[in-house]
């Protein structure tokens, strides 16, 4: 069966559409929260002093780990 536009990219990373959706939605949600925390911090610098950077570091770590897992799945015979 030929992959459609919704499943082609997830299949390339060894994921189902649902797995990819959940992970991408999680990343997007945390980035939005980091952005909101940074905006509040810009106006009220005594709030959310490390929230945005902490969330960004966590997202980066999760994305890199997921990428490494995808590369491993693709390269495993």
Foldseek 3Di string as FASTA:
>chain_A
DDDDPQAPVCVLLVHGSVVVVVLVVVLVVLQVVLVVQVVVCVVVVVGSVCSNVVSVVVSVVVVVVSSVVSVVVVPDD
